Amino acid sequence: MDYRRHRPSAELDGLVEHYWSIVSPAPPGPLRAVLVPSGRATIQFCLGRPGRRYESGRPARTNADVYLPVSTEPIVIEQEGPSHYVGIQFTPWGARALFPDAPAHPEQVETAVGPLPDPAALATDPTPELDRWLGTHLPGTLPTGVDLLKAAVDVVDADPSAGEVADLADRLHAAPSTLYRAFRRGVGLSPKQYVQIMRYRAFTDALIAEAGGAPTALLAGLAGYADQAHAARDFSRFTGMTASRFRDTHDGIAALMARTD
């Protein structure tokens, strides 16, 4: 698998975290992966053979040229044959700033935001074409509350286990209601949901990195969970599987596509 990250232009700084591309040969059999919630919207373009995408409560769909908004729901992807994808990972507020009318559920890019970028240019060097394409959607001014969101996200991402939402508002010298409105308007989640997602991701990242030694209870504690049962409930909520099964089945494609650092 050839996985690469690409840096967007300076004018997109604060809206896009990075671009990515994956080129992979055919797996020996159908490959399934869990894309866990990350608190970030993504857009992916398929330049090869498309896979399938499974969302909670919806029939399987072709996994190609799709806008995936910020969500608390996991997505399962399945790939057969060789693959080539190019994608955009936004900041938590970036997608809504660029595409304020985009739907709150996964949708084809053409339906959600408009015409696709040039696939030939994406295949050659994705960065200039993605810069050009996103540049046509740049807002004149950033939405209200972005500065507060950036400060809040920096605090939570640095240590998702540190304190509760009320503590976060106090630290940022903001009223809890102001923080709530900023998150709901700019991200599409409440501050509490965002903290839960990032705390969960800290746990899953530790689980993926586990070399085989640290007990699950210890990992849960390090990620800020009160106890192992709490962690188990979040696994059921976010992935529909146990922590041990997640650790055993979560594969490299999902880890690469879902990372935020």
C-alpha atoms as a PDB file:
ATOM      1  CA  MET A   1       0.000   0.000   0.000  1.00  0.00           C
ATOM      2  CA  ASP A   2       1.269   3.464  -0.931  1.00  0.00           C
ATOM      3  CA  TYR A   3      -0.216   6.037   1.445  1.00  0.00           C
ATOM      4  CA  ARG A   4       0.778   9.700   1.223  1.00  0.00           C
ATOM      5  CA  ARG A   5      -0.254  12.975   2.789  1.00  0.00           C
ATOM      6  CA  HIS A   6      -0.202  16.275   0.950  1.00  0.00           C
ATOM      7  CA  ARG A   7      -0.230  19.803   2.346  1.00  0.00           C
ATOM      8  CA  PRO A   8      -2.898  22.217   1.071  1.00  0.00           C
ATOM      9  CA  SER A   9      -2.177  25.791   0.077  1.00  0.00           C
ATOM     10  CA  ALA A  10      -1.803  28.515   2.707  1.00  0.00           C
ATOM     11  CA  GLU A  11      -5.179  30.055   1.843  1.00  0.00           C
ATOM     12  CA  LEU A  12      -6.859  26.842   3.032  1.00  0.00           C
ATOM     13  CA  ASP A  13      -4.983  26.808   6.331  1.00  0.00           C
ATOM     14  CA  GLY A  14      -7.428  26.391   9.194  1.00  0.00           C
ATOM     15  CA  LEU A  15     -10.028  24.730   6.960  1.00  0.00           C
ATOM     16  CA  VAL A  16      -8.167  21.669   5.676  1.00  0.00           C
ATOM     17  CA  GLU A  17      -5.840  19.536   7.788  1.00  0.00           C
ATOM     18  CA  HIS A  18      -4.373  17.581   4.894  1.00  0.00           C
ATOM     19  CA  TYR A  19      -5.014  15.802   1.634  1.00  0.00           C
ATOM     20  CA  TRP A  20      -4.272  12.093   1.335  1.00  0.00           C
ATOM     21  CA  SER A  21      -3.898   9.471  -1.349  1.00  0.00           C
ATOM     22  CA  ILE A  22      -3.929   5.682  -1.189  1.00  0.00           C
ATOM     23  CA  VAL A  23      -2.890   3.303  -3.952  1.00  0.00           C
ATOM     24  CA  SER A  24      -3.135  -0.371  -3.062  1.00  0.00           C
ATOM     25  CA  PRO A  25      -2.933  -3.672  -4.932  1.00  0.00           C
ATOM     26  CA  ALA A  26      -5.774  -6.146  -4.738  1.00  0.00           C
ATOM     27  CA  PRO A  27      -6.085  -7.847  -1.341  1.00  0.00           C
ATOM     28  CA  PRO A  28      -6.232 -11.658  -1.287  1.00  0.00           C
ATOM     29  CA  GLY A  29      -9.938 -11.453  -0.492  1.00  0.00           C
ATOM     30  CA  PRO A  30     -12.626  -8.900   0.317  1.00  0.00           C
ATOM     31  CA  LEU A  31     -11.169  -6.457   2.858  1.00  0.00           C
ATOM     32  CA  ARG A  32     -13.448  -4.836   5.434  1.00  0.00           C
ATOM     33  CA  ALA A  33     -12.449  -1.949   7.688  1.00  0.00           C
ATOM     34  CA  VAL A  34     -14.103   0.247  10.303  1.00  0.00           C
ATOM     35  CA  LEU A  35     -13.792   3.998   9.837  1.00  0.00           C
ATOM     36  CA  VAL A  36     -14.268   5.291  13.362  1.00  0.00           C
ATOM     37  CA  PRO A  37     -15.628   8.802  14.020  1.00  0.00           C
ATOM     38  CA  SER A  38     -12.862  11.401  14.093  1.00  0.00           C
ATOM     39  CA  GLY A  39     -14.695  14.706  14.581  1.00  0.00           C
ATOM     40  CA  ARG A  40     -13.686  15.674  11.033  1.00  0.00           C
ATOM     41  CA  ALA A  41     -15.575  15.624   7.745  1.00  0.00           C
ATOM     42  CA  THR A  42     -13.841  14.062   4.764  1.00  0.00           C
ATOM     43  CA  ILE A  43     -14.294  13.939   1.017  1.00  0.00           C
ATOM     44  CA  GLN A  44     -12.911  11.037  -0.968  1.00  0.00           C
ATOM     45  CA  PHE A  45     -12.564  10.599  -4.709  1.00  0.00           C
ATOM     46  CA  CYS A  46     -12.225   7.185  -6.313  1.00  0.00           C
ATOM     47  CA  LEU A  47      -9.758   6.959  -9.202  1.00  0.00           C
ATOM     48  CA  GLY A  48      -9.805   3.177  -9.476  1.00  0.00           C
ATOM     49  CA  ARG A  49     -12.147   0.348  -8.699  1.00  0.00           C
ATOM     50  CA  PRO A  50     -14.732   1.507  -6.119  1.00  0.00           C
ATOM     51  CA  GLY A  51     -15.510  -0.463  -3.010  1.00  0.00           C
ATOM     52  CA  ARG A  52     -18.685  -0.645  -0.939  1.00  0.00           C
ATOM     53  CA  ARG A  53     -19.745   1.440   2.042  1.00  0.00           C
ATOM     54  CA  TYR A  54     -22.024   0.305   4.868  1.00  0.00           C
ATOM     55  CA  GLU A  55     -23.718   2.835   7.138  1.00  0.00           C
ATOM     56  CA  SER A  56     -26.000   2.137  10.068  1.00  0.00           C
ATOM     57  CA  GLY A  57     -29.586   1.618   8.959  1.00  0.00           C
ATOM     58  CA  ARG A  58     -28.858   2.150   5.241  1.00  0.00           C
ATOM     59  CA  PRO A  59     -28.286  -0.304   2.381  1.00  0.00           C
ATOM     60  CA  ALA A  60     -24.770  -0.823   1.042  1.00  0.00           C
ATOM     61  CA  ARG A  61     -23.606   1.889  -1.359  1.00  0.00           C
ATOM     62  CA  THR A  62     -20.780   2.291  -3.823  1.00  0.00           C
ATOM     63  CA  ASN A  63     -17.847   3.925  -2.038  1.00  0.00           C
ATOM     64  CA  ALA A  64     -16.790   6.481  -4.610  1.00  0.00           C
ATOM     65  CA  ASP A  65     -16.732  10.299  -4.788  1.00  0.00           C
ATOM     66  CA  VAL A  66     -18.454  10.738  -1.435  1.00  0.00           C
ATOM     67  CA  TYR A  67     -18.822  13.543   1.105  1.00  0.00           C
ATOM     68  CA  LEU A  68     -18.691  12.186   4.670  1.00  0.00           C
ATOM     69  CA  PRO A  69     -19.792  14.819   7.218  1.00  0.00           C
ATOM     70  CA  VAL A  70     -18.814  14.886  10.872  1.00  0.00           C
ATOM     71  CA  SER A  71     -20.744  12.105  12.568  1.00  0.00           C
ATOM     72  CA  THR A  72     -20.928   9.946  15.678  1.00  0.00           C
ATOM     73  CA  GLU A  73     -21.661   6.856  13.554  1.00  0.00           C
ATOM     74  CA  PRO A  74     -19.001   4.409  12.324  1.00  0.00           C
ATOM     75  CA  ILE A  75     -18.767   3.450   8.652  1.00  0.00           C
ATOM     76  CA  VAL A  76     -17.629   0.073   7.354  1.00  0.00           C
ATOM     77  CA  ILE A  77     -15.874  -0.009   3.992  1.00  0.00           C
ATOM     78  CA  GLU A  78     -15.238  -3.075   1.869  1.00  0.00           C
ATOM     79  CA  GLN A  79     -12.713  -3.298  -0.944  1.00  0.00           C
ATOM     80  CA  GLU A  80     -12.052  -5.938  -3.574  1.00  0.00           C
ATOM     81  CA  GLY A  81      -9.445  -5.544  -6.270  1.00  0.00           C
ATOM     82  CA  PRO A  82      -6.838  -2.774  -6.574  1.00  0.00           C
ATOM     83  CA  SER A  83      -7.763   0.649  -5.259  1.00  0.00           C
ATOM     84  CA  HIS A  84      -6.805   4.280  -5.783  1.00  0.00           C
ATOM     85  CA  TYR A  85      -8.389   6.983  -3.633  1.00  0.00           C
ATOM     86  CA  VAL A  86      -7.644  10.664  -3.087  1.00  0.00           C
ATOM     87  CA  GLY A  87      -9.214  12.535  -0.213  1.00  0.00           C
ATOM     88  CA  ILE A  88      -9.552  15.683   1.862  1.00  0.00           C
ATOM     89  CA  GLN A  89      -9.583  15.772   5.642  1.00  0.00           C
ATOM     90  CA  PHE A  90     -11.019  19.010   6.965  1.00  0.00           C
ATOM     91  CA  THR A  91     -10.582  20.685  10.313  1.00  0.00           C
ATOM     92  CA  PRO A  92     -13.617  20.054  12.544  1.00  0.00           C
ATOM     93  CA  TRP A  93     -15.265  23.257  11.271  1.00  0.00           C
ATOM     94  CA  GLY A  94     -13.689  23.376   7.797  1.00  0.00           C
ATOM     95  CA  ALA A  95     -16.302  21.484   5.789  1.00  0.00           C
ATOM     96  CA  ARG A  96     -19.203  23.561   7.105  1.00  0.00           C
ATOM     97  CA  ALA A  97     -17.304  26.776   6.437  1.00  0.00           C
ATOM     98  CA  LEU A  98     -16.641  25.753   2.825  1.00  0.00           C
ATOM     99  CA  PHE A  99     -19.929  23.942   2.167  1.00  0.00           C
ATOM    100  CA  PRO A 100     -22.596  25.454   4.454  1.00  0.00           C
ATOM    101  CA  ASP A 101     -25.431  23.789   2.520  1.00  0.00           C
ATOM    102  CA  ALA A 102     -23.938  20.276   2.494  1.00  0.00           C
ATOM    103  CA  PRO A 103     -26.134  17.550   4.033  1.00  0.00           C
ATOM    104  CA  ALA A 104     -25.633  16.112   7.515  1.00  0.00           C
ATOM    105  CA  HIS A 105     -25.432  12.567   6.112  1.00  0.00           C
ATOM    106  CA  PRO A 106     -23.038  10.879   3.641  1.00  0.00           C
ATOM    107  CA  GLU A 107     -23.814  11.873   0.070  1.00  0.00           C
ATOM    108  CA  GLN A 108     -22.237  11.810  -3.372  1.00  0.00           C
ATOM    109  CA  VAL A 109     -20.001  14.848  -3.864  1.00  0.00           C
ATOM    110  CA  GLU A 110     -21.863  16.085  -6.928  1.00  0.00           C
ATOM    111  CA  THR A 111     -25.125  16.071  -4.986  1.00  0.00           C
ATOM    112  CA  ALA A 112     -23.659  17.494  -1.787  1.00  0.00           C
ATOM    113  CA  VAL A 113     -21.386  20.275  -3.048  1.00  0.00           C
ATOM    114  CA  GLY A 114     -21.282  20.382  -6.866  1.00  0.00           C
ATOM    115  CA  PRO A 115     -19.119  19.278  -9.814  1.00  0.00           C
ATOM    116  CA  LEU A 116     -16.121  17.022  -9.216  1.00  0.00           C
ATOM    117  CA  PRO A 117     -12.487  18.062  -9.674  1.00  0.00           C
ATOM    118  CA  ASP A 118     -10.629  16.771 -12.730  1.00  0.00           C
ATOM    119  CA  PRO A 119      -9.835  13.066 -12.093  1.00  0.00           C
ATOM    120  CA  ALA A 120      -6.854  13.090 -14.464  1.00  0.00           C
ATOM    121  CA  ALA A 121      -5.293  15.969 -12.525  1.00  0.00           C
ATOM    122  CA  LEU A 122      -5.994  14.204  -9.222  1.00  0.00           C
ATOM    123  CA  ALA A 123      -4.237  11.088 -10.451  1.00  0.00           C
ATOM    124  CA  THR A 124      -1.160  13.041 -11.581  1.00  0.00           C
ATOM    125  CA  ASP A 125      -0.687  15.349  -8.573  1.00  0.00           C
ATOM    126  CA  PRO A 126      -3.724  15.846  -6.322  1.00  0.00           C
ATOM    127  CA  THR A 127      -2.568  18.936  -4.432  1.00  0.00           C
ATOM    128  CA  PRO A 128      -2.851  21.638  -7.148  1.00  0.00           C
ATOM    129  CA  GLU A 129      -6.204  20.326  -8.345  1.00  0.00           C
ATOM    130  CA  LEU A 130      -7.671  20.077  -4.839  1.00  0.00           C
ATOM    131  CA  ASP A 131      -6.357  23.565  -4.034  1.00  0.00           C
ATOM    132  CA  ARG A 132      -8.037  24.884  -7.174  1.00  0.00           C
ATOM    133  CA  TRP A 133     -11.293  23.030  -6.541  1.00  0.00           C
ATOM    134  CA  LEU A 134     -11.624  24.062  -2.902  1.00  0.00           C
ATOM    135  CA  GLY A 135     -10.526  27.604  -3.754  1.00  0.00           C
ATOM    136  CA  THR A 136     -13.744  28.078  -5.711  1.00  0.00           C
ATOM    137  CA  HIS A 137     -15.676  27.455  -2.474  1.00  0.00           C
ATOM    138  CA  LEU A 138     -13.669  29.708  -0.144  1.00  0.00           C
ATOM    139  CA  PRO A 139     -15.958  31.953   1.943  1.00  0.00           C
ATOM    140  CA  GLY A 140     -15.366  35.680   2.037  1.00  0.00           C
ATOM    141  CA  THR A 141     -15.129  35.562   5.827  1.00  0.00           C
ATOM    142  CA  LEU A 142     -14.986  32.685   8.292  1.00  0.00           C
ATOM    143  CA  PRO A 143     -18.165  31.915  10.253  1.00  0.00           C
ATOM    144  CA  THR A 144     -18.674  33.398  13.705  1.00  0.00           C
ATOM    145  CA  GLY A 145     -17.117  31.343  16.484  1.00  0.00           C
ATOM    146  CA  VAL A 146     -14.217  29.786  14.560  1.00  0.00           C
ATOM    147  CA  ASP A 147     -11.594  31.278  16.897  1.00  0.00           C
ATOM    148  CA  LEU A 148     -13.396  29.788  19.899  1.00  0.00           C
ATOM    149  CA  LEU A 149     -13.726  26.438  18.122  1.00  0.00           C
ATOM    150  CA  LYS A 150     -10.034  26.343  17.276  1.00  0.00           C
ATOM    151  CA  ALA A 151      -9.070  27.070  20.877  1.00  0.00           C
ATOM    152  CA  ALA A 152     -11.481  24.426  22.181  1.00  0.00           C
ATOM    153  CA  VAL A 153     -10.362  21.775  19.688  1.00  0.00           C
ATOM    154  CA  ASP A 154      -6.702  22.423  20.526  1.00  0.00           C
ATOM    155  CA  VAL A 155      -7.415  21.819  24.219  1.00  0.00           C
ATOM    156  CA  VAL A 156      -9.524  18.682  23.707  1.00  0.00           C
ATOM    157  CA  ASP A 157      -7.258  17.091  21.109  1.00  0.00           C
ATOM    158  CA  ALA A 158      -4.191  17.619  23.297  1.00  0.00           C
ATOM    159  CA  ASP A 159      -5.797  15.652  26.159  1.00  0.00           C
ATOM    160  CA  PRO A 160      -9.360  14.348  25.682  1.00  0.00           C
ATOM    161  CA  SER A 161      -9.382  12.983  29.240  1.00  0.00           C
ATOM    162  CA  ALA A 162      -8.790  16.368  30.894  1.00  0.00           C
ATOM    163  CA  GLY A 163     -11.987  17.592  32.515  1.00  0.00           C
ATOM    164  CA  GLU A 164     -15.552  17.995  31.352  1.00  0.00           C
ATOM    165  CA  VAL A 165     -17.262  20.462  29.030  1.00  0.00           C
ATOM    166  CA  ALA A 166     -17.978  22.943  31.825  1.00  0.00           C
ATOM    167  CA  ASP A 167     -14.276  22.931  32.690  1.00  0.00           C
ATOM    168  CA  LEU A 168     -13.471  23.538  29.017  1.00  0.00           C
ATOM    169  CA  ALA A 169     -15.767  26.574  28.882  1.00  0.00           C
ATOM    170  CA  ASP A 170     -14.188  27.995  32.037  1.00  0.00           C
ATOM    171  CA  ARG A 171     -10.702  27.477  30.652  1.00  0.00           C
ATOM    172  CA  LEU A 172     -11.625  29.346  27.472  1.00  0.00           C
ATOM    173  CA  HIS A 173     -13.438  32.115  29.400  1.00  0.00           C
ATOM    174  CA  ALA A 174     -16.625  31.378  27.469  1.00  0.00           C
ATOM    175  CA  ALA A 175     -20.163  30.730  28.605  1.00  0.00           C
ATOM    176  CA  PRO A 176     -21.155  27.050  28.187  1.00  0.00           C
ATOM    177  CA  SER A 177     -24.071  28.151  25.982  1.00  0.00           C
ATOM    178  CA  THR A 178     -21.703  30.111  23.706  1.00  0.00           C
ATOM    179  CA  LEU A 179     -19.400  27.108  23.382  1.00  0.00           C
ATOM    180  CA  TYR A 180     -22.369  24.853  22.657  1.00  0.00           C
ATOM    181  CA  ARG A 181     -23.690  27.124  19.898  1.00  0.00           C
ATOM    182  CA  ALA A 182     -20.241  27.411  18.316  1.00  0.00           C
ATOM    183  CA  PHE A 183     -19.867  23.631  18.125  1.00  0.00           C
ATOM    184  CA  ARG A 184     -23.374  22.948  16.893  1.00  0.00           C
ATOM    185  CA  ARG A 185     -23.139  25.648  14.234  1.00  0.00           C
ATOM    186  CA  GLY A 186     -19.547  25.088  13.131  1.00  0.00           C
ATOM    187  CA  VAL A 187     -19.000  21.343  13.617  1.00  0.00           C
ATOM    188  CA  GLY A 188     -22.441  19.779  13.792  1.00  0.00           C
ATOM    189  CA  LEU A 189     -21.815  18.181  17.196  1.00  0.00           C
ATOM    190  CA  SER A 190     -22.223  19.339  20.767  1.00  0.00           C
ATOM    191  CA  PRO A 191     -19.019  19.954  22.745  1.00  0.00           C
ATOM    192  CA  LYS A 192     -19.839  16.845  24.810  1.00  0.00           C
ATOM    193  CA  GLN A 193     -20.128  14.689  21.664  1.00  0.00           C
ATOM    194  CA  TYR A 194     -16.813  16.009  20.368  1.00  0.00           C
ATOM    195  CA  VAL A 195     -15.066  15.234  23.664  1.00  0.00           C
ATOM    196  CA  GLN A 196     -16.595  11.734  23.668  1.00  0.00           C
ATOM    197  CA  ILE A 197     -15.387  11.070  20.129  1.00  0.00           C
ATOM    198  CA  MET A 198     -11.852  12.234  20.807  1.00  0.00           C
ATOM    199  CA  ARG A 199     -11.720  10.300  24.091  1.00  0.00           C
ATOM    200  CA  TYR A 200     -12.904   7.222  22.237  1.00  0.00           C
ATOM    201  CA  ARG A 201     -10.301   7.781  19.529  1.00  0.00           C
ATOM    202  CA  ALA A 202      -7.559   8.040  22.133  1.00  0.00           C
ATOM    203  CA  PHE A 203      -8.659   4.640  23.390  1.00  0.00           C
ATOM    204  CA  THR A 204      -8.825   3.050  19.933  1.00  0.00           C
ATOM    205  CA  ASP A 205      -5.475   4.542  18.937  1.00  0.00           C
ATOM    206  CA  ALA A 206      -3.942   3.005  22.062  1.00  0.00           C
ATOM    207  CA  LEU A 207      -5.631  -0.293  21.255  1.00  0.00           C
ATOM    208  CA  ILE A 208      -4.259  -0.295  17.713  1.00  0.00           C
ATOM    209  CA  ALA A 209      -0.769   0.564  18.928  1.00  0.00           C
ATOM    210  CA  GLU A 210      -0.859  -2.068  21.668  1.00  0.00           C
ATOM    211  CA  ALA A 211       1.935  -4.527  21.105  1.00  0.00           C
ATOM    212  CA  GLY A 212       0.407  -7.078  23.450  1.00  0.00           C
ATOM    213  CA  GLY A 213       0.959  -6.405  27.108  1.00  0.00           C
ATOM    214  CA  ALA A 214      -1.084  -3.556  28.505  1.00  0.00           C
ATOM    215  CA  PRO A 215      -4.465  -4.731  29.858  1.00  0.00           C
ATOM    216  CA  THR A 216      -7.558  -3.234  28.282  1.00  0.00           C
ATOM    217  CA  ALA A 217      -8.568  -1.821  31.679  1.00  0.00           C
ATOM    218  CA  LEU A 218      -5.326   0.156  31.857  1.00  0.00           C
ATOM    219  CA  LEU A 219      -5.750   1.489  28.344  1.00  0.00           C
ATOM    220  CA  ALA A 220      -9.297   2.565  29.170  1.00  0.00           C
ATOM    221  CA  GLY A 221      -8.066   4.413  32.242  1.00  0.00           C
ATOM    222  CA  LEU A 222      -5.312   6.157  30.321  1.00  0.00           C
ATOM    223  CA  ALA A 223      -7.845   7.372  27.771  1.00  0.00           C
ATOM    224  CA  GLY A 224      -9.985   8.961  30.464  1.00  0.00           C
ATOM    225  CA  TYR A 225     -12.712   6.359  30.887  1.00  0.00           C
ATOM    226  CA  ALA A 226     -14.027   5.795  34.380  1.00  0.00           C
ATOM    227  CA  ASP A 227     -13.930   2.030  33.997  1.00  0.00           C
ATOM    228  CA  GLN A 228     -13.716  -0.771  31.477  1.00  0.00           C
ATOM    229  CA  ALA A 229     -17.498  -1.126  31.314  1.00  0.00           C
ATOM    230  CA  HIS A 230     -17.763   2.520  30.192  1.00  0.00           C
ATOM    231  CA  ALA A 231     -15.210   1.872  27.458  1.00  0.00           C
ATOM    232  CA  ALA A 232     -17.097  -1.246  26.389  1.00  0.00           C
ATOM    233  CA  ARG A 233     -20.337   0.722  26.076  1.00  0.00           C
ATOM    234  CA  ASP A 234     -18.649   3.301  23.855  1.00  0.00           C
ATOM    235  CA  PHE A 235     -17.269   0.542  21.650  1.00  0.00           C
ATOM    236  CA  SER A 236     -20.753  -0.855  21.214  1.00  0.00           C
ATOM    237  CA  ARG A 237     -22.033   2.642  20.467  1.00  0.00           C
ATOM    238  CA  PHE A 238     -19.359   3.703  17.988  1.00  0.00           C
ATOM    239  CA  THR A 239     -18.407   0.431  16.244  1.00  0.00           C
ATOM    240  CA  GLY A 240     -20.945  -2.242  17.115  1.00  0.00           C
ATOM    241  CA  MET A 241     -18.197  -4.643  18.244  1.00  0.00           C
ATOM    242  CA  THR A 242     -16.127  -5.455  21.296  1.00  0.00           C
ATOM    243  CA  ALA A 243     -12.780  -3.788  21.941  1.00  0.00           C
ATOM    244  CA  SER A 244     -10.887  -7.053  21.449  1.00  0.00           C
ATOM    245  CA  ARG A 245     -12.608  -7.758  18.141  1.00  0.00           C
ATOM    246  CA  PHE A 246     -11.937  -4.188  17.002  1.00  0.00           C
ATOM    247  CA  ARG A 247      -8.253  -4.593  17.832  1.00  0.00           C
ATOM    248  CA  ASP A 248      -8.098  -7.835  15.863  1.00  0.00           C
ATOM    249  CA  THR A 249     -10.006  -6.662  12.776  1.00  0.00           C
ATOM    250  CA  HIS A 250      -9.183  -2.954  12.441  1.00  0.00           C
ATOM    251  CA  ASP A 251      -6.810  -2.785   9.491  1.00  0.00           C
ATOM    252  CA  GLY A 252      -4.283  -0.415   7.969  1.00  0.00           C
ATOM    253  CA  ILE A 253      -6.610   1.279   5.499  1.00  0.00           C
ATOM    254  CA  ALA A 254      -8.988   2.352   8.254  1.00  0.00           C
ATOM    255  CA  ALA A 255      -6.148   3.448  10.511  1.00  0.00           C
ATOM    256  CA  LEU A 256      -4.661   5.611   7.783  1.00  0.00           C
ATOM    257  CA  MET A 257      -7.909   7.136   6.567  1.00  0.00           C
ATOM    258  CA  ALA A 258      -9.269   7.888  10.022  1.00  0.00           C
ATOM    259  CA  ARG A 259      -6.198   9.388  11.687  1.00  0.00           C
ATOM    260  CA  THR A 260      -6.291  13.063  12.600  1.00  0.00           C
ATOM    261  CA  ASP A 261      -2.699  13.822  13.602  1.00  0.00           C
END
